[in-house]
C-alpha atoms as a PDB file:
ATOM      1  CA  UNK A   1      32.905  15.824  29.692  1.00  0.00           C
ATOM      2  CA  UNK A   2      36.074  15.947  27.602  1.00  0.00           C
ATOM      3  CA  UNK A   3      36.390  13.478  24.753  1.00  0.00           C
ATOM      4  CA  UNK A   4      38.702  10.535  25.301  1.00  0.00           C
ATOM      5  CA  UNK A   5      39.244  10.058  21.557  1.00  0.00           C
ATOM      6  CA  UNK A   6      42.853  10.479  20.500  1.00  0.00           C
ATOM      7  CA  UNK A   7      44.970  10.207  17.398  1.00  0.00           C
ATOM      8  CA  UNK A   8      43.429   8.770  14.198  1.00  0.00           C
ATOM      9  CA  UNK A   9      40.100   7.698  15.738  1.00  0.00           C
ATOM     10  CA  UNK A  10      38.148  10.879  14.831  1.00  0.00           C
ATOM     11  CA  UNK A  11      39.423  10.617  11.270  1.00  0.00           C
ATOM     12  CA  UNK A  12      38.345   6.981  11.130  1.00  0.00           C
ATOM     13  CA  UNK A  13      34.865   7.845  12.424  1.00  0.00           C
ATOM     14  CA  UNK A  14      34.597  10.586   9.840  1.00  0.00           C
ATOM     15  CA  UNK A  15      35.512   8.125   7.108  1.00  0.00           C
ATOM     16  CA  UNK A  16      32.869   5.679   8.352  1.00  0.00           C
ATOM     17  CA  UNK A  17      30.267   8.465   8.350  1.00  0.00           C
ATOM     18  CA  UNK A  18      31.104   9.343   4.759  1.00  0.00           C
ATOM     19  CA  UNK A  19      30.853   5.700   3.755  1.00  0.00           C
ATOM     20  CA  UNK A  20      27.412   5.387   5.368  1.00  0.00           C
ATOM     21  CA  UNK A  21      26.274   8.543   3.633  1.00  0.00           C
ATOM     22  CA  UNK A  22      27.368   7.080   0.312  1.00  0.00           C
ATOM     23  CA  UNK A  23      25.175   4.050   1.012  1.00  0.00           C
ATOM     24  CA  UNK A  24      22.143   6.240   1.613  1.00  0.00           C
ATOM     25  CA  UNK A  25      21.959   5.920   5.405  1.00  0.00           C
ATOM     26  CA  UNK A  26      22.909   9.440   6.432  1.00  0.00           C
ATOM     27  CA  UNK A  27      19.366  10.841   6.366  1.00  0.00           C
ATOM     28  CA  UNK A  28      17.971   8.102   8.602  1.00  0.00           C
ATOM     29  CA  UNK A  29      18.206   8.438  12.390  1.00  0.00           C
ATOM     30  CA  UNK A  30      20.083   5.489  13.842  1.00  0.00           C
ATOM     31  CA  UNK A  31      18.226   3.062  16.069  1.00  0.00           C
ATOM     32  CA  UNK A  32      19.186   4.276  19.509  1.00  0.00           C
ATOM     33  CA  UNK A  33      20.003   1.507  21.989  1.00  0.00           C
ATOM     34  CA  UNK A  34      18.529   2.085  25.407  1.00  0.00           C
ATOM     35  CA  UNK A  35      19.017  -0.792  27.825  1.00  0.00           C
ATOM     36  CA  UNK A  36      19.383  -4.512  27.308  1.00  0.00           C
ATOM     37  CA  UNK A  37      15.832  -4.925  28.569  1.00  0.00           C
ATOM     38  CA  UNK A  38      14.276  -2.318  26.284  1.00  0.00           C
ATOM     39  CA  UNK A  39      16.580  -2.989  23.338  1.00  0.00           C
ATOM     40  CA  UNK A  40      17.134  -0.898  20.217  1.00  0.00           C
ATOM     41  CA  UNK A  41      14.529   1.722  19.386  1.00  0.00           C
ATOM     42  CA  UNK A  42      13.174   2.036  15.872  1.00  0.00           C
ATOM     43  CA  UNK A  43      12.725   5.190  13.854  1.00  0.00           C
ATOM     44  CA  UNK A  44      10.211   6.208  11.175  1.00  0.00           C
ATOM     45  CA  UNK A  45      11.133   5.860   7.537  1.00  0.00           C
ATOM     46  CA  UNK A  46      12.595   9.045   6.116  1.00  0.00           C
ATOM     47  CA  UNK A  47      11.683  10.397   2.698  1.00  0.00           C
ATOM     48  CA  UNK A  48      14.915   8.946   1.288  1.00  0.00           C
ATOM     49  CA  UNK A  49      14.184   5.578   2.907  1.00  0.00           C
ATOM     50  CA  UNK A  50      10.765   5.461   1.247  1.00  0.00           C
ATOM     51  CA  UNK A  51      12.169   6.378  -2.151  1.00  0.00           C
ATOM     52  CA  UNK A  52      14.909   3.737  -1.855  1.00  0.00           C
ATOM     53  CA  UNK A  53      12.445   1.003  -0.882  1.00  0.00           C
ATOM     54  CA  UNK A  54       9.970   2.028  -3.581  1.00  0.00           C
ATOM     55  CA  UNK A  55      12.669   1.735  -6.230  1.00  0.00           C
ATOM     56  CA  UNK A  56      12.818  -2.024  -5.596  1.00  0.00           C
ATOM     57  CA  UNK A  57       9.054  -2.469  -6.058  1.00  0.00           C
ATOM     58  CA  UNK A  58       8.609  -1.578  -9.701  1.00  0.00           C
ATOM     59  CA  UNK A  59       6.565  -4.385 -11.273  1.00  0.00           C
ATOM     60  CA  UNK A  60       3.175  -3.822 -12.926  1.00  0.00           C
ATOM     61  CA  UNK A  61       1.054  -7.014 -12.670  1.00  0.00           C
ATOM     62  CA  UNK A  62      -2.226  -5.377 -13.797  1.00  0.00           C
ATOM     63  CA  UNK A  63      -3.287  -4.590 -17.352  1.00  0.00           C
ATOM     64  CA  UNK A  64      -5.879  -2.492 -19.140  1.00  0.00           C
ATOM     65  CA  UNK A  65      -4.888   0.901 -17.781  1.00  0.00           C
ATOM     66  CA  UNK A  66      -4.999   0.000 -14.063  1.00  0.00           C
ATOM     67  CA  UNK A  67      -2.800   1.848 -11.567  1.00  0.00           C
ATOM     68  CA  UNK A  68      -2.740   0.165  -8.156  1.00  0.00           C
ATOM     69  CA  UNK A  69      -2.347   2.201  -4.937  1.00  0.00           C
ATOM     70  CA  UNK A  70       0.535  -0.042  -3.862  1.00  0.00           C
ATOM     71  CA  UNK A  71       3.960  -1.042  -5.165  1.00  0.00           C
ATOM     72  CA  UNK A  72       4.548  -4.596  -6.366  1.00  0.00           C
ATOM     73  CA  UNK A  73       7.534  -6.875  -6.858  1.00  0.00           C
ATOM     74  CA  UNK A  74       7.438 -10.391  -8.319  1.00  0.00           C
ATOM     75  CA  UNK A  75       9.264 -12.884  -6.089  1.00  0.00           C
ATOM     76  CA  UNK A  76       8.475 -15.956  -8.175  1.00  0.00           C
ATOM     77  CA  UNK A  77       6.251 -16.740 -11.162  1.00  0.00           C
ATOM     78  CA  UNK A  78       3.016 -16.832  -9.134  1.00  0.00           C
ATOM     79  CA  UNK A  79       3.454 -14.523  -6.146  1.00  0.00           C
ATOM     80  CA  UNK A  80       4.182 -10.836  -5.687  1.00  0.00           C
ATOM     81  CA  UNK A  81       5.010  -8.999  -2.489  1.00  0.00           C
ATOM     82  CA  UNK A  82       3.929  -5.404  -2.071  1.00  0.00           C
ATOM     83  CA  UNK A  83       4.329  -2.234  -0.038  1.00  0.00           C
ATOM     84  CA  UNK A  84       1.438   0.161   0.539  1.00  0.00           C
ATOM     85  CA  UNK A  85       2.247   3.644   1.844  1.00  0.00           C
ATOM     86  CA  UNK A  86      -0.054   6.376   3.098  1.00  0.00           C
ATOM     87  CA  UNK A  87       0.178   7.889  -0.397  1.00  0.00           C
ATOM     88  CA  UNK A  88       0.511   5.876  -3.625  1.00  0.00           C
ATOM     89  CA  UNK A  89       3.130   8.359  -4.857  1.00  0.00           C
ATOM     90  CA  UNK A  90       6.412   7.534  -3.064  1.00  0.00           C
ATOM     91  CA  UNK A  91       7.487  11.151  -3.465  1.00  0.00           C
ATOM     92  CA  UNK A  92       4.522  12.213  -1.302  1.00  0.00           C
ATOM     93  CA  UNK A  93       4.362   9.249   1.071  1.00  0.00           C
ATOM     94  CA  UNK A  94       5.337   9.733   4.700  1.00  0.00           C
ATOM     95  CA  UNK A  95       4.700   6.303   6.267  1.00  0.00           C
ATOM     96  CA  UNK A  96       4.356   2.629   5.400  1.00  0.00           C
ATOM     97  CA  UNK A  97       0.887   1.243   6.121  1.00  0.00           C
ATOM     98  CA  UNK A  98       1.012  -2.350   4.844  1.00  0.00           C
ATOM     99  CA  UNK A  99       3.235  -5.098   3.501  1.00  0.00           C
ATOM    100  CA  UNK A 100       1.580  -8.020   1.781  1.00  0.00           C
ATOM    101  CA  UNK A 101       1.426 -10.641  -0.925  1.00  0.00           C
ATOM    102  CA  UNK A 102      -0.653 -11.104  -4.047  1.00  0.00           C
ATOM    103  CA  UNK A 103      -1.113 -14.656  -5.348  1.00  0.00           C
ATOM    104  CA  UNK A 104      -2.183 -15.551  -8.871  1.00  0.00           C
ATOM    105  CA  UNK A 105      -5.629 -17.122  -8.893  1.00  0.00           C
ATOM    106  CA  UNK A 106      -9.190 -17.073 -10.165  1.00  0.00           C
ATOM    107  CA  UNK A 107     -12.304 -15.521  -8.658  1.00  0.00           C
ATOM    108  CA  UNK A 108     -13.921 -18.620  -7.170  1.00  0.00           C
ATOM    109  CA  UNK A 109     -14.674 -19.454  -3.539  1.00  0.00           C
ATOM    110  CA  UNK A 110     -13.030 -22.834  -4.080  1.00  0.00           C
ATOM    111  CA  UNK A 111      -9.788 -21.113  -5.128  1.00  0.00           C
ATOM    112  CA  UNK A 112      -9.582 -18.473  -2.368  1.00  0.00           C
ATOM    113  CA  UNK A 113      -6.382 -19.214  -0.389  1.00  0.00           C
ATOM    114  CA  UNK A 114      -7.354 -20.454   3.062  1.00  0.00           C
ATOM    115  CA  UNK A 115     -11.060 -19.927   2.401  1.00  0.00           C
ATOM    116  CA  UNK A 116     -13.085 -16.849   3.403  1.00  0.00           C
ATOM    117  CA  UNK A 117     -11.185 -16.434   6.684  1.00  0.00           C
ATOM    118  CA  UNK A 118      -7.739 -17.315   5.412  1.00  0.00           C
ATOM    119  CA  UNK A 119      -6.363 -13.807   5.251  1.00  0.00           C
ATOM    120  CA  UNK A 120      -6.931 -13.073   1.542  1.00  0.00           C
ATOM    121  CA  UNK A 121     -10.070 -10.919   1.643  1.00  0.00           C
ATOM    122  CA  UNK A 122      -9.700  -9.248  -1.736  1.00  0.00           C
ATOM    123  CA  UNK A 123      -9.580 -10.426  -5.335  1.00  0.00           C
ATOM    124  CA  UNK A 124      -8.366  -8.102  -8.049  1.00  0.00           C
ATOM    125  CA  UNK A 125      -8.739  -9.017 -11.680  1.00  0.00           C
ATOM    126  CA  UNK A 126      -5.771  -9.079 -14.010  1.00  0.00           C
ATOM    127  CA  UNK A 127      -7.397  -6.905 -16.645  1.00  0.00           C
ATOM    128  CA  UNK A 128      -9.800  -3.982 -16.241  1.00  0.00           C
ATOM    129  CA  UNK A 129     -10.249  -0.552 -17.891  1.00  0.00           C
ATOM    130  CA  UNK A 130      -9.205   1.139 -14.623  1.00  0.00           C
ATOM    131  CA  UNK A 131      -8.390   0.138 -11.057  1.00  0.00           C
ATOM    132  CA  UNK A 132     -11.846   0.885  -9.645  1.00  0.00           C
ATOM    133  CA  UNK A 133     -13.394  -1.658 -12.028  1.00  0.00           C
ATOM    134  CA  UNK A 134     -10.883  -4.385 -11.138  1.00  0.00           C
ATOM    135  CA  UNK A 135     -12.360  -5.508  -7.821  1.00  0.00           C
ATOM    136  CA  UNK A 136     -13.878  -8.982  -8.004  1.00  0.00           C
ATOM    137  CA  UNK A 137     -15.489  -9.868 -11.326  1.00  0.00           C
ATOM    138  CA  UNK A 138     -17.479 -12.650 -12.957  1.00  0.00           C
ATOM    139  CA  UNK A 139     -16.952 -16.211 -11.631  1.00  0.00           C
ATOM    140  CA  UNK A 140     -13.629 -17.653 -12.767  1.00  0.00           C
ATOM    141  CA  UNK A 141     -12.058 -14.311 -13.655  1.00  0.00           C
ATOM    142  CA  UNK A 142      -8.231 -14.483 -13.629  1.00  0.00           C
ATOM    143  CA  UNK A 143      -6.359 -12.181 -11.267  1.00  0.00           C
ATOM    144  CA  UNK A 144      -4.806 -12.048  -7.816  1.00  0.00           C
ATOM    145  CA  UNK A 145      -5.814 -12.769  -4.224  1.00  0.00           C
ATOM    146  CA  UNK A 146      -4.379 -10.153  -1.853  1.00  0.00           C
ATOM    147  CA  UNK A 147      -3.328 -10.392   1.801  1.00  0.00           C
ATOM    148  CA  UNK A 148      -2.458  -7.228   3.742  1.00  0.00           C
ATOM    149  CA  UNK A 149      -0.382  -7.058   6.941  1.00  0.00           C
ATOM    150  CA  UNK A 150      -0.603  -3.701   8.695  1.00  0.00           C
ATOM    151  CA  UNK A 151       2.659  -2.398  10.124  1.00  0.00           C
ATOM    152  CA  UNK A 152       1.231   0.422  12.223  1.00  0.00           C
ATOM    153  CA  UNK A 153      -1.814   1.634  14.126  1.00  0.00           C
ATOM    154  CA  UNK A 154      -3.921   4.037  12.060  1.00  0.00           C
ATOM    155  CA  UNK A 155      -7.442   5.059  11.079  1.00  0.00           C
ATOM    156  CA  UNK A 156      -8.756   4.556   7.558  1.00  0.00           C
ATOM    157  CA  UNK A 157     -10.847   7.134   5.714  1.00  0.00           C
ATOM    158  CA  UNK A 158     -14.015   5.212   6.602  1.00  0.00           C
ATOM    159  CA  UNK A 159     -13.145   5.414  10.304  1.00  0.00           C
ATOM    160  CA  UNK A 160     -12.057   1.789  10.699  1.00  0.00           C
ATOM    161  CA  UNK A 161      -9.246   1.336  13.224  1.00  0.00           C
ATOM    162  CA  UNK A 162      -6.307  -0.815  12.086  1.00  0.00           C
ATOM    163  CA  UNK A 163      -3.568  -2.356  14.239  1.00  0.00           C
ATOM    164  CA  UNK A 164      -0.418  -4.263  13.267  1.00  0.00           C
ATOM    165  CA  UNK A 165      -1.232  -7.710  11.890  1.00  0.00           C
ATOM    166  CA  UNK A 166      -3.246  -9.360   9.127  1.00  0.00           C
ATOM    167  CA  UNK A 167      -6.082  -7.070   8.020  1.00  0.00           C
ATOM    168  CA  UNK A 168      -8.935  -9.466   7.360  1.00  0.00           C
ATOM    169  CA  UNK A 169     -11.355  -6.638   6.548  1.00  0.00           C
ATOM    170  CA  UNK A 170      -9.436  -4.786   3.862  1.00  0.00           C
ATOM    171  CA  UNK A 171     -11.513  -4.343   0.670  1.00  0.00           C
ATOM    172  CA  UNK A 172     -13.435  -7.650   0.898  1.00  0.00           C
ATOM    173  CA  UNK A 173     -14.759  -9.183  -2.323  1.00  0.00           C
ATOM    174  CA  UNK A 174     -16.956 -12.203  -1.418  1.00  0.00           C
ATOM    175  CA  UNK A 175     -16.164 -14.883  -3.978  1.00  0.00           C
ATOM    176  CA  UNK A 176     -18.770 -16.753  -6.051  1.00  0.00           C
ATOM    177  CA  UNK A 177     -19.014 -20.529  -6.081  1.00  0.00           C
ATOM    178  CA  UNK A 178     -17.708 -22.049  -9.292  1.00  0.00           C
ATOM    179  CA  UNK A 179     -18.456 -25.692  -8.435  1.00  0.00           C
ATOM    180  CA  UNK A 180     -16.886 -28.111 -10.867  1.00  0.00           C
ATOM    181  CA  UNK A 181     -15.963 -25.273 -13.206  1.00  0.00           C
ATOM    182  CA  UNK A 182     -12.974 -23.751 -11.412  1.00  0.00           C
ATOM    183  CA  UNK A 183     -10.623 -22.643 -14.191  1.00  0.00           C
ATOM    184  CA  UNK A 184      -6.939 -23.443 -14.128  1.00  0.00           C
ATOM    185  CA  UNK A 185      -4.619 -20.631 -13.085  1.00  0.00           C
ATOM    186  CA  UNK A 186      -2.579 -20.640 -16.255  1.00  0.00           C
ATOM    187  CA  UNK A 187      -2.325 -16.998 -17.239  1.00  0.00           C
ATOM    188  CA  UNK A 188       1.070 -15.327 -17.524  1.00  0.00           C
ATOM    189  CA  UNK A 189       1.485 -12.514 -15.025  1.00  0.00           C
ATOM    190  CA  UNK A 190       3.033  -9.473 -16.723  1.00  0.00           C
ATOM    191  CA  UNK A 191       6.728  -9.493 -15.927  1.00  0.00           C
ATOM    192  CA  UNK A 192       6.463 -12.527 -13.637  1.00  0.00           C
ATOM    193  CA  UNK A 193       9.815 -14.062 -12.730  1.00  0.00           C
ATOM    194  CA  UNK A 194      11.782 -15.369  -9.791  1.00  0.00           C
ATOM    195  CA  UNK A 195      14.231 -13.145  -7.968  1.00  0.00           C
ATOM    196  CA  UNK A 196      17.775 -13.423  -9.279  1.00  0.00           C
ATOM    197  CA  UNK A 197      20.923 -13.361  -7.218  1.00  0.00           C
ATOM    198  CA  UNK A 198      21.370  -9.724  -8.188  1.00  0.00           C
ATOM    199  CA  UNK A 199      17.798  -8.907  -7.126  1.00  0.00           C
ATOM    200  CA  UNK A 200      18.358 -10.506  -3.730  1.00  0.00           C
ATOM    201  CA  UNK A 201      21.660  -8.684  -3.261  1.00  0.00           C
ATOM    202  CA  UNK A 202      19.916  -5.355  -3.957  1.00  0.00           C
ATOM    203  CA  UNK A 203      17.453  -5.968  -1.101  1.00  0.00           C
ATOM    204  CA  UNK A 204      20.116  -6.830   1.467  1.00  0.00           C
ATOM    205  CA  UNK A 205      21.385  -3.305   2.315  1.00  0.00           C
ATOM    206  CA  UNK A 206      17.795  -2.033   2.593  1.00  0.00           C
ATOM    207  CA  UNK A 207      17.052  -4.594   5.320  1.00  0.00           C
ATOM    208  CA  UNK A 208      20.140  -4.211   7.487  1.00  0.00           C
ATOM    209  CA  UNK A 209      18.803  -3.251  10.920  1.00  0.00           C
ATOM    210  CA  UNK A 210      19.785  -5.244  14.000  1.00  0.00           C
ATOM    211  CA  UNK A 211      16.967  -5.310  16.595  1.00  0.00           C
ATOM    212  CA  UNK A 212      18.502  -8.106  18.680  1.00  0.00           C
ATOM    213  CA  UNK A 213      21.327  -7.783  21.189  1.00  0.00           C
ATOM    214  CA  UNK A 214      23.678 -10.026  23.132  1.00  0.00           C
ATOM    215  CA  UNK A 215      25.375 -11.717  20.182  1.00  0.00           C
ATOM    216  CA  UNK A 216      22.215 -12.859  18.368  1.00  0.00           C
ATOM    217  CA  UNK A 217      22.195 -13.252  14.587  1.00  0.00           C
ATOM    218  CA  UNK A 218      18.693 -13.729  13.181  1.00  0.00           C
ATOM    219  CA  UNK A 219      18.060 -15.840  10.033  1.00  0.00           C
ATOM    220  CA  UNK A 220      16.145 -12.965   8.424  1.00  0.00           C
ATOM    221  CA  UNK A 221      16.791  -9.390   7.307  1.00  0.00           C
ATOM    222  CA  UNK A 222      15.094  -6.610   9.295  1.00  0.00           C
ATOM    223  CA  UNK A 223      14.128  -3.003   8.629  1.00  0.00           C
ATOM    224  CA  UNK A 224      12.583  -0.582  11.128  1.00  0.00           C
ATOM    225  CA  UNK A 225       9.584   1.224   9.632  1.00  0.00           C
ATOM    226  CA  UNK A 226       8.389   3.028  12.761  1.00  0.00           C
ATOM    227  CA  UNK A 227       9.384   3.101  16.456  1.00  0.00           C
ATOM    228  CA  UNK A 228       7.604  -0.173  17.282  1.00  0.00           C
ATOM    229  CA  UNK A 229       7.585  -2.294  14.125  1.00  0.00           C
ATOM    230  CA  UNK A 230      10.100  -3.887  11.803  1.00  0.00           C
ATOM    231  CA  UNK A 231       9.404  -5.514   8.472  1.00  0.00           C
ATOM    232  CA  UNK A 232      11.562  -8.428   7.409  1.00  0.00           C
ATOM    233  CA  UNK A 233      12.506 -10.661   4.503  1.00  0.00           C
ATOM    234  CA  UNK A 234      13.419 -14.292   5.117  1.00  0.00           C
ATOM    235  CA  UNK A 235      15.174 -16.147   2.312  1.00  0.00           C
ATOM    236  CA  UNK A 236      15.972 -19.823   1.916  1.00  0.00           C
ATOM    237  CA  UNK A 237      19.453 -19.064   3.223  1.00  0.00           C
ATOM    238  CA  UNK A 238      20.489 -16.290   5.644  1.00  0.00           C
ATOM    239  CA  UNK A 239      23.679 -15.724   3.622  1.00  0.00           C
ATOM    240  CA  UNK A 240      23.033 -13.272   0.761  1.00  0.00           C
ATOM    241  CA  UNK A 241      25.588 -15.049  -1.419  1.00  0.00           C
ATOM    242  CA  UNK A 242      23.763 -18.378  -1.017  1.00  0.00           C
ATOM    243  CA  UNK A 243      20.107 -17.266  -0.985  1.00  0.00           C
ATOM    244  CA  UNK A 244      18.108 -18.260  -4.059  1.00  0.00           C
ATOM    245  CA  UNK A 245      14.449 -17.637  -3.114  1.00  0.00           C
ATOM    246  CA  UNK A 246      12.303 -15.529  -0.797  1.00  0.00           C
ATOM    247  CA  UNK A 247      10.344 -17.657   1.672  1.00  0.00           C
ATOM    248  CA  UNK A 248       8.617 -15.055   3.852  1.00  0.00           C
ATOM    249  CA  UNK A 249       7.882 -11.387   4.262  1.00  0.00           C
ATOM    250  CA  UNK A 250       6.712 -10.391   7.710  1.00  0.00           C
ATOM    251  CA  UNK A 251       6.669  -8.040  10.664  1.00  0.00           C
ATOM    252  CA  UNK A 252       8.088  -7.982  14.182  1.00  0.00           C
ATOM    253  CA  UNK A 253       6.270  -5.862  16.777  1.00  0.00           C
ATOM    254  CA  UNK A 254       7.830  -4.758  20.059  1.00  0.00           C
ATOM    255  CA  UNK A 255       6.097  -6.348  23.031  1.00  0.00           C
ATOM    256  CA  UNK A 256       6.198  -8.510  26.125  1.00  0.00           C
ATOM    257  CA  UNK A 257       6.108 -12.271  26.570  1.00  0.00           C
ATOM    258  CA  UNK A 258       2.633 -12.592  28.087  1.00  0.00           C
ATOM    259  CA  UNK A 259      -0.448 -14.309  26.742  1.00  0.00           C
ATOM    260  CA  UNK A 260      -2.480 -11.152  27.268  1.00  0.00           C
ATOM    261  CA  UNK A 261       0.047  -9.147  25.231  1.00  0.00           C
ATOM    262  CA  UNK A 262       0.234 -11.446  22.197  1.00  0.00           C
ATOM    263  CA  UNK A 263      -1.248  -9.298  19.402  1.00  0.00           C
ATOM    264  CA  UNK A 264      -3.222 -12.155  17.731  1.00  0.00           C
ATOM    265  CA  UNK A 265      -2.715 -15.888  17.015  1.00  0.00           C
ATOM    266  CA  UNK A 266      -1.191 -14.785  13.685  1.00  0.00           C
ATOM    267  CA  UNK A 267       1.936 -13.926  15.751  1.00  0.00           C
ATOM    268  CA  UNK A 268       3.012 -17.442  16.819  1.00  0.00           C
ATOM    269  CA  UNK A 269       6.544 -16.611  17.942  1.00  0.00           C
ATOM    270  CA  UNK A 270       8.072 -14.355  20.576  1.00  0.00           C
ATOM    271  CA  UNK A 271      11.755 -13.543  20.430  1.00  0.00           C
ATOM    272  CA  UNK A 272      13.481 -11.798  23.304  1.00  0.00           C
ATOM    273  CA  UNK A 273      15.525  -8.682  22.577  1.00  0.00           C
ATOM    274  CA  UNK A 274      18.583  -9.804  24.506  1.00  0.00           C
ATOM    275  CA  UNK A 275      20.082 -13.298  24.606  1.00  0.00           C
ATOM    276  CA  UNK A 276      23.587 -14.779  24.435  1.00  0.00           C
ATOM    277  CA  UNK A 277      22.794 -16.295  21.030  1.00  0.00           C
ATOM    278  CA  UNK A 278      19.793 -16.660  18.741  1.00  0.00           C
ATOM    279  CA  UNK A 279      18.877 -20.175  19.843  1.00  0.00           C
ATOM    280  CA  UNK A 280      18.411 -18.943  23.422  1.00  0.00           C
ATOM    281  CA  UNK A 281      16.196 -16.024  22.386  1.00  0.00           C
ATOM    282  CA  UNK A 282      12.956 -17.953  21.808  1.00  0.00           C
ATOM    283  CA  UNK A 283      10.325 -17.136  24.421  1.00  0.00           C
ATOM    284  CA  UNK A 284      11.681 -16.420  27.891  1.00  0.00           C
ATOM    285  CA  UNK A 285      10.509 -15.688  31.426  1.00  0.00           C
ATOM    286  CA  UNK A 286       7.094 -14.024  31.846  1.00  0.00           C
ATOM    287  CA  UNK A 287       7.008 -10.359  30.784  1.00  0.00           C
ATOM    288  CA  UNK A 288      10.358 -10.545  28.970  1.00  0.00           C
ATOM    289  CA  UNK A 289      10.913  -7.685  26.499  1.00  0.00           C
ATOM    290  CA  UNK A 290      11.176  -8.577  22.833  1.00  0.00           C
ATOM    291  CA  UNK A 291       9.207  -8.934  19.624  1.00  0.00           C
ATOM    292  CA  UNK A 292       6.149 -10.811  18.399  1.00  0.00           C
ATOM    293  CA  UNK A 293       6.694 -12.149  14.875  1.00  0.00           C
ATOM    294  CA  UNK A 294       4.240 -12.708  12.032  1.00  0.00           C
ATOM    295  CA  UNK A 295       5.303 -14.550   8.875  1.00  0.00           C
ATOM    296  CA  UNK A 296       3.563 -14.283   5.493  1.00  0.00           C
ATOM    297  CA  UNK A 297       4.779 -17.054   3.187  1.00  0.00           C
ATOM    298  CA  UNK A 298       5.552 -16.046  -0.383  1.00  0.00           C
ATOM    299  CA  UNK A 299       5.969 -19.502  -1.892  1.00  0.00           C
ATOM    300  CA  UNK A 300       5.008 -23.165  -1.669  1.00  0.00           C
ATOM    301  CA  UNK A 301       7.711 -25.253  -0.013  1.00  0.00           C
ATOM    302  CA  UNK A 302       8.490 -27.888   2.621  1.00  0.00           C
ATOM    303  CA  UNK A 303      10.228 -26.879   5.850  1.00  0.00           C
ATOM    304  CA  UNK A 304      13.118 -28.854   7.337  1.00  0.00           C
ATOM    305  CA  UNK A 305      10.707 -30.816   9.516  1.00  0.00           C
ATOM    306  CA  UNK A 306       8.563 -31.778   6.514  1.00  0.00           C
ATOM    307  CA  UNK A 307       5.751 -29.298   7.122  1.00  0.00           C
ATOM    308  CA  UNK A 308       4.107 -28.092   3.897  1.00  0.00           C
ATOM    309  CA  UNK A 309       3.775 -24.313   3.556  1.00  0.00           C
ATOM    310  CA  UNK A 310       1.665 -22.401   1.042  1.00  0.00           C
ATOM    311  CA  UNK A 311       1.430 -18.634   0.435  1.00  0.00           C
ATOM    312  CA  UNK A 312      -0.264 -16.766   3.274  1.00  0.00           C
ATOM    313  CA  UNK A 313       0.081 -16.279   7.022  1.00  0.00           C
ATOM    314  CA  UNK A 314       2.022 -19.114   8.676  1.00  0.00           C
ATOM    315  CA  UNK A 315       0.560 -19.541  12.153  1.00  0.00           C
ATOM    316  CA  UNK A 316       2.597 -22.688  12.871  1.00  0.00           C
ATOM    317  CA  UNK A 317       6.103 -21.343  12.455  1.00  0.00           C
ATOM    318  CA  UNK A 318       8.246 -21.679  15.588  1.00  0.00           C
ATOM    319  CA  UNK A 319       5.432 -21.343  18.160  1.00  0.00           C
ATOM    320  CA  UNK A 320       6.302 -20.108  21.647  1.00  0.00           C
ATOM    321  CA  UNK A 321       3.208 -20.517  23.866  1.00  0.00           C
ATOM    322  CA  UNK A 322       3.061 -17.443  26.067  1.00  0.00           C
ATOM    323  CA  UNK A 323       2.690 -17.592  29.869  1.00  0.00           C
ATOM    324  CA  UNK A 324       0.027 -15.894  31.927  1.00  0.00           C
ATOM    325  CA  UNK A 325       1.519 -12.806  33.510  1.00  0.00           C
END
């Protein structure tokens, strides 16, 4: 078929392509729209994508010679978010395995966020001679409680099968009971600080994918990490110029609006791919195509309806009870 482009249009498209290349998007295959029902298709992270993301996760919250197999970034003075690739060296990594949060705390059962089944299976001490000796510790040891959210389906070295969602079995460290002697969490995390306006602005172009169609504008920033999963950041304001704090990191998994196809209760919300506007995209008719969302809170705050949120998986955010299909 002959092209219908005439005049200055090819030159304009060429200029746009050069501009995208300058922003670091040239090496990444574009999400290819299929149909309104199927929606945009994701693509794996390229090597350049991984390097660009890794550059924003440069904090070192552990001391004593420890080198964690994940990349951290402080989002406030008590919580870090992290990325964990299939290789701890971003130059050798080929895929993202987990996103997650690490919350300052002490190694006591009474201080484990959400209790033993709350989604924080692992405690890592602040200080240790090397990483292998940092798991758990004596009662009351200062450190971090970790929560992992898998973004893909994969097999670990020990043969355990992992699917997208909260990984409740990752590196468990059963906590001791401290009774009336639970220490205060008053240590200073190395480099701990809240995100600045400049920090937030630097994240924005890295989370610029648009998985929704039909005129929808989501109140969060998305990034495809593989053909079926997006990771997202949700700030206190969807406008980069007005955002002051990160509220959630999370994932959206392609799926269908059926009870039998809801990944787990940790995914309380279904959002359809295509809708005339965002408000009309919640839920939908049985078997509608869209995404199941999981939110991992990164701070303590009150929602607009007065609900109190603390760091960890938020199973009550915008629930859309799924129909039987």
